[in-house]
C-alpha atoms as a PDB file:
ATOM      1  CA  SER A   1       0.000   0.000   0.000  1.00  0.00           C
ATOM      2  CA  GLY A   2       1.388   3.403  -0.951  1.00  0.00           C
ATOM      3  CA  ALA A   3       3.995   1.933  -3.324  1.00  0.00           C
ATOM      4  CA  VAL A   4       4.565   3.441  -6.775  1.00  0.00           C
ATOM      5  CA  LYS A   5       6.644   2.124  -9.672  1.00  0.00           C
ATOM      6  CA  ILE A   6       9.148   4.417 -11.362  1.00  0.00           C
ATOM      7  CA  GLN A   7      11.219   3.578 -14.444  1.00  0.00           C
ATOM      8  CA  PHE A   8      14.671   5.038 -15.001  1.00  0.00           C
ATOM      9  CA  ARG A   9      16.765   5.473 -18.118  1.00  0.00           C
ATOM     10  CA  LEU A  10      20.242   5.703 -16.645  1.00  0.00           C
ATOM     11  CA  PRO A  11      23.035   7.834 -18.142  1.00  0.00           C
ATOM     12  CA  ASP A  12      24.860   4.736 -19.426  1.00  0.00           C
ATOM     13  CA  GLY A  13      21.790   3.719 -21.470  1.00  0.00           C
ATOM     14  CA  THR A  14      20.525   0.920 -19.217  1.00  0.00           C
ATOM     15  CA  ARG A  15      17.052   0.855 -17.749  1.00  0.00           C
ATOM     16  CA  ALA A  16      15.934   0.144 -14.208  1.00  0.00           C
ATOM     17  CA  VAL A  17      12.520  -0.185 -12.591  1.00  0.00           C
ATOM     18  CA  ARG A  18      11.986   0.174  -8.868  1.00  0.00           C
ATOM     19  CA  ARG A  19       9.144   0.667  -6.446  1.00  0.00           C
ATOM     20  CA  PHE A  20       9.211   3.483  -3.899  1.00  0.00           C
ATOM     21  CA  LEU A  21       6.754   4.710  -1.307  1.00  0.00           C
ATOM     22  CA  SER A  22       4.749   7.678  -2.544  1.00  0.00           C
ATOM     23  CA  SER A  23       5.767   9.414   0.705  1.00  0.00           C
ATOM     24  CA  ASP A  24       9.513   9.105  -0.084  1.00  0.00           C
ATOM     25  CA  LEU A  25      11.303  12.330  -0.992  1.00  0.00           C
ATOM     26  CA  VAL A  26      12.456  12.957  -4.561  1.00  0.00           C
ATOM     27  CA  GLY A  27      15.995  13.070  -3.130  1.00  0.00           C
ATOM     28  CA  VAL A  28      15.723   9.274  -2.659  1.00  0.00           C
ATOM     29  CA  LEU A  29      15.477   8.938  -6.457  1.00  0.00           C
ATOM     30  CA  TYR A  30      18.775  10.794  -6.802  1.00  0.00           C
ATOM     31  CA  ALA A  31      20.375   8.458  -4.255  1.00  0.00           C
ATOM     32  CA  PHE A  32      19.088   5.405  -6.158  1.00  0.00           C
ATOM     33  CA  VAL A  33      20.404   6.605  -9.524  1.00  0.00           C
ATOM     34  CA  SER A  34      23.748   7.629  -7.963  1.00  0.00           C
ATOM     35  CA  SER A  35      24.129   4.117  -6.547  1.00  0.00           C
ATOM     36  CA  LYS A  36      23.663   2.648 -10.034  1.00  0.00           C
ATOM     37  CA  CYS A  37      26.046   5.043 -11.829  1.00  0.00           C
ATOM     38  CA  SER A  38      29.616   6.208 -11.525  1.00  0.00           C
ATOM     39  CA  LYS A  39      30.384   9.006  -9.105  1.00  0.00           C
ATOM     40  CA  GLN A  40      29.819  11.783 -11.664  1.00  0.00           C
ATOM     41  CA  SER A  41      27.149  14.396 -11.010  1.00  0.00           C
ATOM     42  CA  ILE A  42      23.767  13.514 -12.455  1.00  0.00           C
ATOM     43  CA  GLU A  43      20.669  15.388 -13.521  1.00  0.00           C
ATOM     44  CA  LEU A  44      17.238  13.746 -13.488  1.00  0.00           C
ATOM     45  CA  ARG A  45      14.500  14.808 -15.915  1.00  0.00           C
ATOM     46  CA  SER A  46      10.859  13.806 -16.141  1.00  0.00           C
ATOM     47  CA  GLY A  47       7.827  14.586 -18.292  1.00  0.00           C
ATOM     48  CA  PHE A  48       7.509  15.703 -21.874  1.00  0.00           C
ATOM     49  CA  PRO A  49       9.412  17.665 -22.795  1.00  0.00           C
ATOM     50  CA  PRO A  50      11.785  16.428 -20.080  1.00  0.00           C
ATOM     51  CA  LYS A  51      12.254  18.967 -17.282  1.00  0.00           C
ATOM     52  CA  ASP A  52      14.838  19.004 -14.514  1.00  0.00           C
ATOM     53  CA  ILE A  53      13.379  17.793 -11.199  1.00  0.00           C
ATOM     54  CA  SER A  54      16.220  18.937  -8.913  1.00  0.00           C
ATOM     55  CA  PHE A  55      14.093  21.770  -7.484  1.00  0.00           C
ATOM     56  CA  GLN A  56      11.685  19.116  -6.128  1.00  0.00           C
ATOM     57  CA  LYS A  57      14.230  17.182  -4.019  1.00  0.00           C
ATOM     58  CA  ASP A  58      12.442  18.124  -0.787  1.00  0.00           C
ATOM     59  CA  SER A  59       8.974  17.207  -2.132  1.00  0.00           C
ATOM     60  CA  THR A  60       7.467  13.746  -1.872  1.00  0.00           C
ATOM     61  CA  ILE A  61       7.118  11.571  -4.957  1.00  0.00           C
ATOM     62  CA  ASP A  62       3.354  12.022  -4.668  1.00  0.00           C
ATOM     63  CA  GLU A  63       3.579  15.833  -4.469  1.00  0.00           C
ATOM     64  CA  ALA A  64       5.941  15.906  -7.474  1.00  0.00           C
ATOM     65  CA  LYS A  65       3.543  13.642  -9.427  1.00  0.00           C
ATOM     66  CA  LEU A  66       6.301  11.204 -10.398  1.00  0.00           C
ATOM     67  CA  ALA A  67       4.392   7.960  -9.827  1.00  0.00           C
ATOM     68  CA  GLY A  68       4.570   5.774 -12.947  1.00  0.00           C
ATOM     69  CA  GLU A  69       6.899   8.191 -14.744  1.00  0.00           C
ATOM     70  CA  MET A  70       9.961   7.464 -16.859  1.00  0.00           C
ATOM     71  CA  ILE A  71      12.841   9.443 -15.385  1.00  0.00           C
ATOM     72  CA  GLN A  72      15.887  10.132 -17.534  1.00  0.00           C
ATOM     73  CA  GLY A  73      19.316  10.486 -15.974  1.00  0.00           C
ATOM     74  CA  ARG A  74      22.123  12.489 -17.547  1.00  0.00           C
ATOM     75  CA  TYR A  75      25.686  13.185 -16.528  1.00  0.00           C
ATOM     76  CA  ILE A  76      26.446  16.870 -16.012  1.00  0.00           C
END
């Protein structure tokens, strides 16, 4: 209950799917992607056209409306 699935396209081209609680902060998504990638800085984008979600790090996944989204990661 309260779990949402989010898909990721990682900077190296691989894909990952993971479930999170809708009450988790968006910052948890950054931690997940960082754990899957090298130690370079990353940028996460969601929506169409893809928009940077870094300003939402302190919002919950539910508040940011990221449930079921495809999130793209890029090295910066």
